[in-house]
Full PDB file with SEQRES, HELIX, SHEET, SSBOND, CRYST1, ORIGX, SCALE, CONECT and MASTER records, all heavy atoms in Angstrom:
SEQRES   1 A   43  LYS VAL ILE GLY GLU LEU LYS ALA ALA ILE LEU ARG GLU          
SEQRES   2 A   43  LYS PRO ASP ALA ALA LEU LEU VAL ASP TYR PRO GLY MET          
SEQRES   3 A   43  ASN LEU HIS LEU ALA ALA PHE LEU LYS LYS GLN GLY ILE          
SEQRES   4 A   43  PRO VAL ILE TYR                                              
HELIX    1 AA1 VAL A    2  GLU A   13  1                                  12    
HELIX    2 AA2 PRO A   24  LYS A   36  1                                  13    
SHEET    1 AA1 2 ALA A  18  LEU A  19  0                                        
SHEET    2 AA1 2 VAL A  41  ILE A  42  1                                        
CRYST1    1.000    1.000    1.000  90.00  90.00  90.00 P 1           1          
ORIGX1      1.000000  0.000000  0.000000        0.00000                         
ORIGX2      0.000000  1.000000  0.000000        0.00000                         
ORIGX3      0.000000  0.000000  1.000000        0.00000                         
SCALE1      1.000000  0.000000  0.000000        0.00000                         
SCALE2      0.000000  1.000000  0.000000        0.00000                         
SCALE3      0.000000  0.000000  1.000000        0.00000                         
ATOM      1  N   LYS A   1     104.160 110.307  87.783  1.00  0.00           N  
ATOM      2  CA  LYS A   1     105.021 110.854  88.660  1.00  0.00           C  
ATOM      3  C   LYS A   1     104.862 110.317  90.152  1.00  0.00           C  
ATOM      4  O   LYS A   1     105.746 109.947  90.754  1.00  0.00           O  
ATOM      5  CB  LYS A   1     104.945 112.378  88.732  1.00  0.00           C  
ATOM      6  CG  LYS A   1     105.906 113.023  89.727  1.00  0.00           C  
ATOM      7  CD  LYS A   1     105.728 114.615  89.567  1.00  0.00           C  
ATOM      8  CE  LYS A   1     106.630 115.291  90.577  1.00  0.00           C  
ATOM      9  NZ  LYS A   1     105.916 115.368  91.868  1.00  0.00           N  
ATOM     10  N   VAL A   2     103.558 110.364  90.544  1.00  0.00           N  
ATOM     11  CA  VAL A   2     103.200 109.766  91.888  1.00  0.00           C  
ATOM     12  C   VAL A   2     103.674 108.335  92.024  1.00  0.00           C  
ATOM     13  O   VAL A   2     104.191 107.980  93.040  1.00  0.00           O  
ATOM     14  CB  VAL A   2     101.651 110.066  92.014  1.00  0.00           C  
ATOM     15  CG1 VAL A   2     101.264 109.269  93.398  1.00  0.00           C  
ATOM     16  CG2 VAL A   2     101.273 111.449  92.124  1.00  0.00           C  
ATOM     17  N   ILE A   3     103.313 107.535  91.020  1.00  0.00           N  
ATOM     18  CA  ILE A   3     103.686 106.010  91.024  1.00  0.00           C  
ATOM     19  C   ILE A   3     105.063 105.875  91.177  1.00  0.00           C  
ATOM     20  O   ILE A   3     105.528 105.108  91.991  1.00  0.00           O  
ATOM     21  CB  ILE A   3     102.983 105.372  89.932  1.00  0.00           C  
ATOM     22  CG1 ILE A   3     101.530 105.269  89.972  1.00  0.00           C  
ATOM     23  CG2 ILE A   3     103.610 103.904  89.722  1.00  0.00           C  
ATOM     24  CD1 ILE A   3     100.754 104.772  88.783  1.00  0.00           C  
ATOM     25  N   GLY A   4     105.859 106.632  90.393  1.00  0.00           N  
ATOM     26  CA  GLY A   4     107.267 106.600  90.450  1.00  0.00           C  
ATOM     27  C   GLY A   4     107.899 106.962  91.846  1.00  0.00           C  
ATOM     28  O   GLY A   4     108.716 106.291  92.230  1.00  0.00           O  
ATOM     29  N   GLU A   5     107.348 107.904  92.378  1.00  0.00           N  
ATOM     30  CA  GLU A   5     107.795 108.396  93.753  1.00  0.00           C  
ATOM     31  C   GLU A   5     107.455 107.376  94.817  1.00  0.00           C  
ATOM     32  O   GLU A   5     108.176 107.093  95.699  1.00  0.00           O  
ATOM     33  CB  GLU A   5     107.354 109.740  94.107  1.00  0.00           C  
ATOM     34  CG  GLU A   5     108.049 110.861  93.203  1.00  0.00           C  
ATOM     35  CD  GLU A   5     107.556 112.233  93.590  1.00  0.00           C  
ATOM     36  OE1 GLU A   5     106.983 112.431  94.553  1.00  0.00           O  
ATOM     37  OE2 GLU A   5     107.845 113.170  92.783  1.00  0.00           O  
ATOM     38  N   LEU A   6     106.217 106.885  94.695  1.00  0.00           N  
ATOM     39  CA  LEU A   6     105.712 105.760  95.728  1.00  0.00           C  
ATOM     40  C   LEU A   6     106.664 104.548  95.633  1.00  0.00           C  
ATOM     41  O   LEU A   6     107.125 103.902  96.569  1.00  0.00           O  
ATOM     42  CB  LEU A   6     104.260 105.500  95.504  1.00  0.00           C  
ATOM     43  CG  LEU A   6     103.344 106.625  95.841  1.00  0.00           C  
ATOM     44  CD1 LEU A   6     101.904 106.150  95.442  1.00  0.00           C  
ATOM     45  CD2 LEU A   6     103.433 107.062  97.192  1.00  0.00           C  
ATOM     46  N   LYS A   7     106.993 104.124  94.473  1.00  0.00           N  
ATOM     47  CA  LYS A   7     107.708 103.073  94.240  1.00  0.00           C  
ATOM     48  C   LYS A   7     109.193 103.214  94.808  1.00  0.00           C  
ATOM     49  O   LYS A   7     109.705 102.275  95.475  1.00  0.00           O  
ATOM     50  CB  LYS A   7     107.906 102.593  92.737  1.00  0.00           C  
ATOM     51  CG  LYS A   7     106.614 101.987  92.034  1.00  0.00           C  
ATOM     52  CD  LYS A   7     106.888 101.658  90.652  1.00  0.00           C  
ATOM     53  CE  LYS A   7     105.721 100.967  90.075  1.00  0.00           C  
ATOM     54  NZ  LYS A   7     105.785 100.673  88.617  1.00  0.00           N  
ATOM     55  N   ALA A   8     109.845 104.379  94.564  1.00  0.00           N  
ATOM     56  CA  ALA A   8     110.994 104.748  95.136  1.00  0.00           C  
ATOM     57  C   ALA A   8     110.954 104.746  96.759  1.00  0.00           C  
ATOM     58  O   ALA A   8     111.997 104.292  97.304  1.00  0.00           O  
ATOM     59  CB  ALA A   8     111.445 106.139  94.686  1.00  0.00           C  
ATOM     60  N   ALA A   9     109.801 105.128  97.233  1.00  0.00           N  
ATOM     61  CA  ALA A   9     109.681 105.296  98.700  1.00  0.00           C  
ATOM     62  C   ALA A   9     109.677 103.908  99.282  1.00  0.00           C  
ATOM     63  O   ALA A   9     110.102 103.499 100.186  1.00  0.00           O  
ATOM     64  CB  ALA A   9     108.541 106.153  99.041  1.00  0.00           C  
ATOM     65  N   ILE A  10     108.934 103.027  98.441  1.00  0.00           N  
ATOM     66  CA  ILE A  10     108.772 101.545  98.922  1.00  0.00           C  
ATOM     67  C   ILE A  10     110.090 100.895  98.955  1.00  0.00           C  
ATOM     68  O   ILE A  10     110.454 100.115  99.944  1.00  0.00           O  
ATOM     69  CB  ILE A  10     107.679 100.792  97.980  1.00  0.00           C  
ATOM     70  CG1 ILE A  10     106.292 101.401  98.255  1.00  0.00           C  
ATOM     71  CG2 ILE A  10     107.788  99.287  98.233  1.00  0.00           C  
ATOM     72  CD1 ILE A  10     105.274 100.980  97.343  1.00  0.00           C  
ATOM     73  N   LEU A  11     110.911 101.075  97.892  1.00  0.00           N  
ATOM     74  CA  LEU A  11     112.203 100.524  97.902  1.00  0.00           C  
ATOM     75  C   LEU A  11     113.170 101.068  98.940  1.00  0.00           C  
ATOM     76  O   LEU A  11     113.954 100.238  99.512  1.00  0.00           O  
ATOM     77  CB  LEU A  11     112.796 100.774  96.401  1.00  0.00           C  
ATOM     78  CG  LEU A  11     112.287 100.051  95.351  1.00  0.00           C  
ATOM     79  CD1 LEU A  11     112.808 100.487  94.032  1.00  0.00           C  
ATOM     80  CD2 LEU A  11     112.361  98.601  95.415  1.00  0.00           C  
ATOM     81  N   ARG A  12     112.899 102.332  99.292  1.00  0.00           N  
ATOM     82  CA  ARG A  12     113.793 102.914 100.291  1.00  0.00           C  
ATOM     83  C   ARG A  12     113.448 102.419 101.710  1.00  0.00           C  
ATOM     84  O   ARG A  12     114.231 102.132 102.555  1.00  0.00           O  
ATOM     85  CB  ARG A  12     113.726 104.417 100.225  1.00  0.00           C  
ATOM     86  CG  ARG A  12     114.669 105.180 101.178  1.00  0.00           C  
ATOM     87  CD  ARG A  12     114.420 106.704 100.983  1.00  0.00           C  
ATOM     88  NE  ARG A  12     113.100 107.276 101.077  1.00  0.00           N  
ATOM     89  CZ  ARG A  12     112.349 107.604 100.123  1.00  0.00           C  
ATOM     90  NH1 ARG A  12     112.604 107.641  98.934  1.00  0.00           N  
ATOM     91  NH2 ARG A  12     111.045 108.128 100.512  1.00  0.00           N  
ATOM     92  N   GLU A  13     112.100 102.380 101.927  1.00  0.00           N  
ATOM     93  CA  GLU A  13     111.487 102.138 103.304  1.00  0.00           C  
ATOM     94  C   GLU A  13     111.481 100.647 103.553  1.00  0.00           C  
ATOM     95  O   GLU A  13     111.398 100.258 104.774  1.00  0.00           O  
ATOM     96  CB  GLU A  13     110.171 102.810 103.604  1.00  0.00           C  
ATOM     97  CG  GLU A  13     110.287 104.347 103.482  1.00  0.00           C  
ATOM     98  CD  GLU A  13     110.929 104.951 104.610  1.00  0.00           C  
ATOM     99  OE1 GLU A  13     111.160 104.245 105.679  1.00  0.00           O  
ATOM    100  OE2 GLU A  13     111.413 106.247 104.458  1.00  0.00           O  
ATOM    101  N   LYS A  14     111.235  99.901 102.494  1.00  0.00           N  
ATOM    102  CA  LYS A  14     111.307  98.478 102.652  1.00  0.00           C  
ATOM    103  C   LYS A  14     110.085  98.020 103.755  1.00  0.00           C  
ATOM    104  O   LYS A  14     110.460  97.425 104.778  1.00  0.00           O  
ATOM    105  CB  LYS A  14     112.547  97.758 103.000  1.00  0.00           C  
ATOM    106  CG  LYS A  14     113.491  97.830 101.912  1.00  0.00           C  
ATOM    107  CD  LYS A  14     114.904  97.222 102.329  1.00  0.00           C  
ATOM    108  CE  LYS A  14     115.861  97.147 101.248  1.00  0.00           C  
ATOM    109  NZ  LYS A  14     116.196  98.497 100.658  1.00  0.00           N  
ATOM    110  N   PRO A  15     108.912  98.396 103.438  1.00  0.00           N  
ATOM    111  CA  PRO A  15     107.790  98.215 104.501  1.00  0.00           C  
ATOM    112  C   PRO A  15     107.542  96.752 104.681  1.00  0.00           C  
ATOM    113  O   PRO A  15     107.937  95.758 103.764  1.00  0.00           O  
ATOM    114  CB  PRO A  15     106.565  98.788 103.875  1.00  0.00           C  
ATOM    115  CG  PRO A  15     106.827  98.874 102.414  1.00  0.00           C  
ATOM    116  CD  PRO A  15     108.304  99.074 102.266  1.00  0.00           C  
ATOM    117  N   ASP A  16     107.075  96.325 105.862  1.00  0.00           N  
ATOM    118  CA  ASP A  16     106.906  94.874 106.280  1.00  0.00           C  
ATOM    119  C   ASP A  16     105.580  94.451 105.694  1.00  0.00           C  
ATOM    120  O   ASP A  16     105.341  93.202 105.504  1.00  0.00           O  
ATOM    121  CB  ASP A  16     106.904  94.774 107.793  1.00  0.00           C  
ATOM    122  CG  ASP A  16     108.248  95.149 108.402  1.00  0.00           C  
ATOM    123  OD1 ASP A  16     109.127  94.265 108.352  1.00  0.00           O  
ATOM    124  OD2 ASP A  16     108.377  96.176 108.905  1.00  0.00           O  
ATOM    125  N   ALA A  17     104.681  95.419 105.388  1.00  0.00           N  
ATOM    126  CA  ALA A  17     103.396  94.990 104.754  1.00  0.00           C  
ATOM    127  C   ALA A  17     102.742  96.298 104.168  1.00  0.00           C  
ATOM    128  O   ALA A  17     103.186  97.467 104.386  1.00  0.00           O  
ATOM    129  CB  ALA A  17     102.478  94.497 105.824  1.00  0.00           C  
ATOM    130  N   ALA A  18     101.800  96.083 103.296  1.00  0.00           N  
ATOM    131  CA  ALA A  18     101.117  97.177 102.662  1.00  0.00           C  
ATOM    132  C   ALA A  18      99.609  96.986 102.845  1.00  0.00           C  
ATOM    133  O   ALA A  18      99.053  95.928 102.677  1.00  0.00           O  
ATOM    134  CB  ALA A  18     101.368  97.159 101.109  1.00  0.00           C  
ATOM    135  N   LEU A  19      98.965  98.165 103.189  1.00  0.00           N  
ATOM    136  CA  LEU A  19      97.530  98.270 103.301  1.00  0.00           C  
ATOM    137  C   LEU A  19      96.977  99.187 102.091  1.00  0.00           C  
ATOM    138  O   LEU A  19      97.186 100.291 102.150  1.00  0.00           O  
ATOM    139  CB  LEU A  19      97.107  98.886 104.683  1.00  0.00           C  
ATOM    140  CG  LEU A  19      95.538  98.973 104.899  1.00  0.00           C  
ATOM    141  CD1 LEU A  19      94.756  97.664 104.850  1.00  0.00           C  
ATOM    142  CD2 LEU A  19      95.312  99.842 106.185  1.00  0.00           C  
ATOM    143  N   LEU A  20      96.271  98.494 101.211  1.00  0.00           N  
ATOM    144  CA  LEU A  20      95.770  99.243 100.054  1.00  0.00           C  
ATOM    145  C   LEU A  20      94.263  99.338 100.274  1.00  0.00           C  
ATOM    146  O   LEU A  20      93.577  98.382 100.555  1.00  0.00           O  
ATOM    147  CB  LEU A  20      95.965  98.533  98.747  1.00  0.00           C  
ATOM    148  CG  LEU A  20      97.514  98.176  98.477  1.00  0.00           C  
ATOM    149  CD1 LEU A  20      97.640  97.443  97.128  1.00  0.00           C  
ATOM    150  CD2 LEU A  20      98.389  99.339  98.623  1.00  0.00           C  
ATOM    151  N   VAL A  21      93.695 100.640 100.196  1.00  0.00           N  
ATOM    152  CA  VAL A  21      92.377 100.751 100.564  1.00  0.00           C  
ATOM    153  C   VAL A  21      91.605 101.393  99.225  1.00  0.00           C  
ATOM    154  O   VAL A  21      91.930 102.511  98.828  1.00  0.00           O  
ATOM    155  CB  VAL A  21      92.240 101.852 101.631  1.00  0.00           C  
ATOM    156  CG1 VAL A  21      90.784 102.033 102.020  1.00  0.00           C  
ATOM    157  CG2 VAL A  21      92.957 101.261 102.945  1.00  0.00           C  
ATOM    158  N   ASP A  22      90.613 100.581  98.814  1.00  0.00           N  
ATOM    159  CA  ASP A  22      89.838 100.966  97.643  1.00  0.00           C  
ATOM    160  C   ASP A  22      90.753 101.575  96.558  1.00  0.00           C  
ATOM    161  O   ASP A  22      91.729 100.932  96.185  1.00  0.00           O  
ATOM    162  CB  ASP A  22      88.899 102.036  98.098  1.00  0.00           C  
ATOM    163  CG  ASP A  22      87.599 102.157  97.166  1.00  0.00           C  
ATOM    164  OD1 ASP A  22      87.503 101.446  96.114  1.00  0.00           O  
ATOM    165  OD2 ASP A  22      86.740 102.970  97.513  1.00  0.00           O  
ATOM    166  N   TYR A  23      90.429 102.633  95.838  1.00  0.00           N  
ATOM    167  CA  TYR A  23      91.229 103.341  94.940  1.00  0.00           C  
ATOM    168  C   TYR A  23      91.913 102.259  93.914  1.00  0.00           C  
ATOM    169  O   TYR A  23      93.151 102.324  93.766  1.00  0.00           O  
ATOM    170  CB  TYR A  23      92.238 104.191  95.722  1.00  0.00           C  
ATOM    171  CG  TYR A  23      92.833 105.479  94.851  1.00  0.00           C  
ATOM    172  CD1 TYR A  23      91.913 106.451  94.584  1.00  0.00           C  
ATOM    173  CD2 TYR A  23      94.042 105.563  94.554  1.00  0.00           C  
ATOM    174  CE1 TYR A  23      92.321 107.628  93.945  1.00  0.00           C  
ATOM    175  CE2 TYR A  23      94.509 106.709  93.865  1.00  0.00           C  
ATOM    176  CZ  TYR A  23      93.679 107.690  93.669  1.00  0.00           C  
ATOM    177  OH  TYR A  23      93.984 108.838  92.956  1.00  0.00           O  
ATOM    178  N   PRO A  24      91.208 101.488  93.146  1.00  0.00           N  
ATOM    179  CA  PRO A  24      91.798 100.493  92.496  1.00  0.00           C  
ATOM    180  C   PRO A  24      92.780 100.712  91.257  1.00  0.00           C  
ATOM    181  O   PRO A  24      93.755 100.033  91.093  1.00  0.00           O  
ATOM    182  CB  PRO A  24      90.574  99.746  91.825  1.00  0.00           C  
ATOM    183  CG  PRO A  24      89.453 100.745  91.828  1.00  0.00           C  
ATOM    184  CD  PRO A  24      89.730 101.656  93.041  1.00  0.00           C  
ATOM    185  N   GLY A  25      92.475 101.907  90.616  1.00  0.00           N  
ATOM    186  CA  GLY A  25      93.440 102.119  89.375  1.00  0.00           C  
ATOM    187  C   GLY A  25      94.872 102.183  89.813  1.00  0.00           C  
ATOM    188  O   GLY A  25      95.689 101.506  89.182  1.00  0.00           O  
ATOM    189  N   MET A  26      95.195 102.929  90.929  1.00  0.00           N  
ATOM    190  CA  MET A  26      96.528 103.122  91.360  1.00  0.00           C  
ATOM    191  C   MET A  26      96.873 101.803  92.303  1.00  0.00           C  
ATOM    192  O   MET A  26      97.989 101.326  92.263  1.00  0.00           O  
ATOM    193  CB  MET A  26      96.739 104.326  92.100  1.00  0.00           C  
ATOM    194  CG  MET A  26      98.211 104.524  92.524  1.00  0.00           C  
ATOM    195  SD  MET A  26      98.676 106.180  93.137  1.00  0.00           S  
ATOM    196  CE  MET A  26      98.337 107.139  91.518  1.00  0.00           C  
ATOM    197  N   ASN A  27      95.961 101.402  93.025  1.00  0.00           N  
ATOM    198  CA  ASN A  27      96.372 100.420  94.086  1.00  0.00           C  
ATOM    199  C   ASN A  27      96.637  99.091  93.437  1.00  0.00           C  
ATOM    200  O   ASN A  27      97.498  98.364  93.860  1.00  0.00           O  
ATOM    201  CB  ASN A  27      95.224 100.251  95.149  1.00  0.00           C  
ATOM    202  CG  ASN A  27      95.297 101.154  96.264  1.00  0.00           C  
ATOM    203  OD1 ASN A  27      96.489 101.605  96.643  1.00  0.00           O  
ATOM    204  ND2 ASN A  27      94.233 101.554  96.958  1.00  0.00           N  
ATOM    205  N   LEU A  28      95.918  98.750  92.417  1.00  0.00           N  
ATOM    206  CA  LEU A  28      96.223  97.410  91.845  1.00  0.00           C  
ATOM    207  C   LEU A  28      97.629  97.467  91.068  1.00  0.00           C  
ATOM    208  O   LEU A  28      98.258  96.509  90.903  1.00  0.00           O  
ATOM    209  CB  LEU A  28      95.111  96.938  90.750  1.00  0.00           C  
ATOM    210  CG  LEU A  28      93.902  96.520  91.559  1.00  0.00           C  
ATOM    211  CD1 LEU A  28      92.679  96.257  90.592  1.00  0.00           C  
ATOM    212  CD2 LEU A  28      94.082  95.258  92.295  1.00  0.00           C  
ATOM    213  N   HIS A  29      97.933  98.627  90.537  1.00  0.00           N  
ATOM    214  CA  HIS A  29      99.369  98.875  89.952  1.00  0.00           C  
ATOM    215  C   HIS A  29     100.352  98.628  90.980  1.00  0.00           C  
ATOM    216  O   HIS A  29     101.315  97.935  90.712  1.00  0.00           O  
ATOM    217  CB  HIS A  29      99.316 100.153  89.235  1.00  0.00           C  
ATOM    218  CG  HIS A  29     100.660 100.431  88.475  1.00  0.00           C  
ATOM    219  ND1 HIS A  29     100.864 100.016  87.177  1.00  0.00           N  
ATOM    220  CD2 HIS A  29     101.951 100.866  88.998  1.00  0.00           C  
ATOM    221  CE1 HIS A  29     102.098 100.334  86.877  1.00  0.00           C  
ATOM    222  NE2 HIS A  29     102.727 100.838  87.912  1.00  0.00           N  
ATOM    223  N   LEU A  30     100.145  99.380  92.109  1.00  0.00           N  
ATOM    224  CA  LEU A  30     101.125  99.220  93.183  1.00  0.00           C  
ATOM    225  C   LEU A  30     101.170  97.846  93.753  1.00  0.00           C  
ATOM    226  O   LEU A  30     102.215  97.271  94.232  1.00  0.00           O  
ATOM    227  CB  LEU A  30     100.781 100.204  94.290  1.00  0.00           C  
ATOM    228  CG  LEU A  30     101.597 101.612  94.177  1.00  0.00           C  
ATOM    229  CD1 LEU A  30     103.065 101.374  94.313  1.00  0.00           C  
ATOM    230  CD2 LEU A  30     101.334 102.325  92.925  1.00  0.00           C  
ATOM    231  N   ALA A  31      99.974  97.077  93.757  1.00  0.00           N  
ATOM    232  CA  ALA A  31      99.953  95.713  94.329  1.00  0.00           C  
ATOM    233  C   ALA A  31     100.843  94.792  93.566  1.00  0.00           C  
ATOM    234  O   ALA A  31     101.767  93.996  94.311  1.00  0.00           O  
ATOM    235  CB  ALA A  31      98.583  95.240  94.237  1.00  0.00           C  
ATOM    236  N   ALA A  32     101.042  94.996  92.242  1.00  0.00           N  
ATOM    237  CA  ALA A  32     101.861  94.167  91.450  1.00  0.00           C  
ATOM    238  C   ALA A  32     103.330  94.423  91.801  1.00  0.00           C  
ATOM    239  O   ALA A  32     104.099  93.567  91.905  1.00  0.00           O  
ATOM    240  CB  ALA A  32     101.565  94.359  89.960  1.00  0.00           C  
ATOM    241  N   PHE A  33     103.696  95.732  92.032  1.00  0.00           N  
ATOM    242  CA  PHE A  33     105.012  96.029  92.330  1.00  0.00           C  
ATOM    243  C   PHE A  33     105.375  95.554  93.859  1.00  0.00           C  
ATOM    244  O   PHE A  33     106.509  95.073  93.865  1.00  0.00           O  
ATOM    245  CB  PHE A  33     105.099  97.670  92.353  1.00  0.00           C  
ATOM    246  CG  PHE A  33     106.503  98.218  92.622  1.00  0.00           C  
ATOM    247  CD1 PHE A  33     107.593  98.054  91.878  1.00  0.00           C  
ATOM    248  CD2 PHE A  33     106.686  98.714  93.939  1.00  0.00           C  
ATOM    249  CE1 PHE A  33     108.787  98.551  92.254  1.00  0.00           C  
ATOM    250  CE2 PHE A  33     107.946  99.243  94.415  1.00  0.00           C  
ATOM    251  CZ  PHE A  33     109.056  99.087  93.494  1.00  0.00           C  
ATOM    252  N   LEU A  34     104.573  95.786  94.717  1.00  0.00           N  
ATOM    253  CA  LEU A  34     104.716  95.241  96.050  1.00  0.00           C  
ATOM    254  C   LEU A  34     104.969  93.807  96.049  1.00  0.00           C  
ATOM    255  O   LEU A  34     105.803  93.279  96.804  1.00  0.00           O  
ATOM    256  CB  LEU A  34     103.535  95.727  96.890  1.00  0.00           C  
ATOM    257  CG  LEU A  34     103.457  97.194  97.261  1.00  0.00           C  
ATOM    258  CD1 LEU A  34     102.001  97.564  97.587  1.00  0.00           C  
ATOM    259  CD2 LEU A  34     104.470  97.528  98.382  1.00  0.00           C  
ATOM    260  N   LYS A  35     104.177  93.052  95.293  1.00  0.00           N  
ATOM    261  CA  LYS A  35     104.406  91.631  95.282  1.00  0.00           C  
ATOM    262  C   LYS A  35     105.665  91.199  94.714  1.00  0.00           C  
ATOM    263  O   LYS A  35     106.239  90.310  95.358  1.00  0.00           O  
ATOM    264  CB  LYS A  35     103.132  90.931  94.394  1.00  0.00           C  
ATOM    265  CG  LYS A  35     103.126  89.520  94.467  1.00  0.00           C  
ATOM    266  CD  LYS A  35     102.465  89.022  95.735  1.00  0.00           C  
ATOM    267  CE  LYS A  35     102.222  87.522  95.706  1.00  0.00           C  
ATOM    268  NZ  LYS A  35     101.777  87.132  97.010  1.00  0.00           N  
ATOM    269  N   LYS A  36     106.131  91.939  93.746  1.00  0.00           N  
ATOM    270  CA  LYS A  36     107.427  91.584  93.134  1.00  0.00           C  
ATOM    271  C   LYS A  36     108.704  91.795  94.227  1.00  0.00           C  
ATOM    272  O   LYS A  36     109.651  91.206  94.220  1.00  0.00           O  
ATOM    273  CB  LYS A  36     107.779  92.442  92.033  1.00  0.00           C  
ATOM    274  CG  LYS A  36     106.933  92.029  90.764  1.00  0.00           C  
ATOM    275  CD  LYS A  36     107.235  92.841  89.590  1.00  0.00           C  
ATOM    276  CE  LYS A  36     106.517  92.405  88.249  1.00  0.00           C  
ATOM    277  NZ  LYS A  36     106.802  93.335  87.139  1.00  0.00           N  
ATOM    278  N   GLN A  37     108.427  92.763  95.135  1.00  0.00           N  
ATOM    279  CA  GLN A  37     109.325  93.043  96.292  1.00  0.00           C  
ATOM    280  C   GLN A  37     109.129  92.115  97.433  1.00  0.00           C  
ATOM    281  O   GLN A  37     109.886  92.268  98.372  1.00  0.00           O  
ATOM    282  CB  GLN A  37     109.192  94.543  96.646  1.00  0.00           C  
ATOM    283  CG  GLN A  37     109.189  95.582  95.624  1.00  0.00           C  
ATOM    284  CD  GLN A  37     110.282  95.426  94.659  1.00  0.00           C  
ATOM    285  OE1 GLN A  37     111.517  95.242  94.950  1.00  0.00           O  
ATOM    286  NE2 GLN A  37     109.955  95.439  93.367  1.00  0.00           N  
ATOM    287  N   GLY A  38     108.240  91.321  97.339  1.00  0.00           N  
ATOM    288  CA  GLY A  38     108.070  90.278  98.500  1.00  0.00           C  
ATOM    289  C   GLY A  38     107.385  90.967  99.573  1.00  0.00           C  
ATOM    290  O   GLY A  38     107.366  90.382 100.780  1.00  0.00           O  
ATOM    291  N   ILE A  39     106.565  91.972  99.359  1.00  0.00           N  
ATOM    292  CA  ILE A  39     105.896  92.670 100.532  1.00  0.00           C  
ATOM    293  C   ILE A  39     104.481  92.226 100.561  1.00  0.00           C  
ATOM    294  O   ILE A  39     103.792  92.366  99.486  1.00  0.00           O  
ATOM    295  CB  ILE A  39     105.938  94.198 100.250  1.00  0.00           C  
ATOM    296  CG1 ILE A  39     107.397  94.716 100.302  1.00  0.00           C  
ATOM    297  CG2 ILE A  39     105.051  94.919 101.330  1.00  0.00           C  
ATOM    298  CD1 ILE A  39     107.531  96.059  99.783  1.00  0.00           C  
ATOM    299  N   PRO A  40     104.000  91.735 101.664  1.00  0.00           N  
ATOM    300  CA  PRO A  40     102.584  91.229 101.677  1.00  0.00           C  
ATOM    301  C   PRO A  40     101.564  92.386 101.447  1.00  0.00           C  
ATOM    302  O   PRO A  40     101.733  93.378 101.976  1.00  0.00           O  
ATOM    303  CB  PRO A  40     102.483  90.746 103.216  1.00  0.00           C  
ATOM    304  CG  PRO A  40     103.906  90.452 103.652  1.00  0.00           C  
ATOM    305  CD  PRO A  40     104.729  91.533 102.902  1.00  0.00           C  
ATOM    306  N   VAL A  41     100.544  92.025 100.620  1.00  0.00           N  
ATOM    307  CA  VAL A  41      99.594  93.080 100.236  1.00  0.00           C  
ATOM    308  C   VAL A  41      98.233  92.677 100.877  1.00  0.00           C  
ATOM    309  O   VAL A  41      97.679  91.714 100.545  1.00  0.00           O  
ATOM    310  CB  VAL A  41      99.358  93.059  98.722  1.00  0.00           C  
ATOM    311  CG1 VAL A  41      98.235  94.009  98.204  1.00  0.00           C  
ATOM    312  CG2 VAL A  41     100.768  93.567  98.078  1.00  0.00           C  
ATOM    313  N   ILE A  42      97.760  93.618 101.714  1.00  0.00           N  
ATOM    314  CA  ILE A  42      96.390  93.435 102.337  1.00  0.00           C  
ATOM    315  C   ILE A  42      95.511  94.546 101.694  1.00  0.00           C  
ATOM    316  O   ILE A  42      95.830  95.753 101.786  1.00  0.00           O  
ATOM    317  CB  ILE A  42      96.463  93.579 103.724  1.00  0.00           C  
ATOM    318  CG1 ILE A  42      97.326  92.584 104.467  1.00  0.00           C  
ATOM    319  CG2 ILE A  42      95.038  93.639 104.428  1.00  0.00           C  
ATOM    320  CD1 ILE A  42      98.802  93.028 104.731  1.00  0.00           C  
ATOM    321  N   TYR A  43      94.574  93.982 100.940  1.00  0.00           N  
ATOM    322  CA  TYR A  43      93.644  95.003 100.299  1.00  0.00           C  
ATOM    323  C   TYR A  43      92.230  95.057 100.926  1.00  0.00           C  
ATOM    324  O   TYR A  43      91.619  94.109 101.100  1.00  0.00           O  
ATOM    325  CB  TYR A  43      93.260  94.488  98.747  1.00  0.00           C  
ATOM    326  CG  TYR A  43      93.042  95.501  97.862  1.00  0.00           C  
ATOM    327  CD1 TYR A  43      93.754  95.745  96.627  1.00  0.00           C  
ATOM    328  CD2 TYR A  43      92.041  96.427  98.043  1.00  0.00           C  
ATOM    329  CE1 TYR A  43      93.434  96.716  95.804  1.00  0.00           C  
ATOM    330  CE2 TYR A  43      91.632  97.506  97.144  1.00  0.00           C  
ATOM    331  CZ  TYR A  43      92.378  97.549  96.072  1.00  0.00           C  
ATOM    332  OH  TYR A  43      92.156  98.628  95.054  1.00  0.00           O  
TER     333      TYR A  43                                                      
MASTER        0    0    0    2    2    0    0    6  332    1    0    4          
END                                                                             
């Protein structure tokens, strides 16, 4: 549910970049989604 809502928020807000901090289980999943949207991923 969290991942679904975060993806929806990312599509809605269209961020210019993403800062992912530690927390690899969820962050690496979101990194793949962000990459597909063309959003730079800073880990």
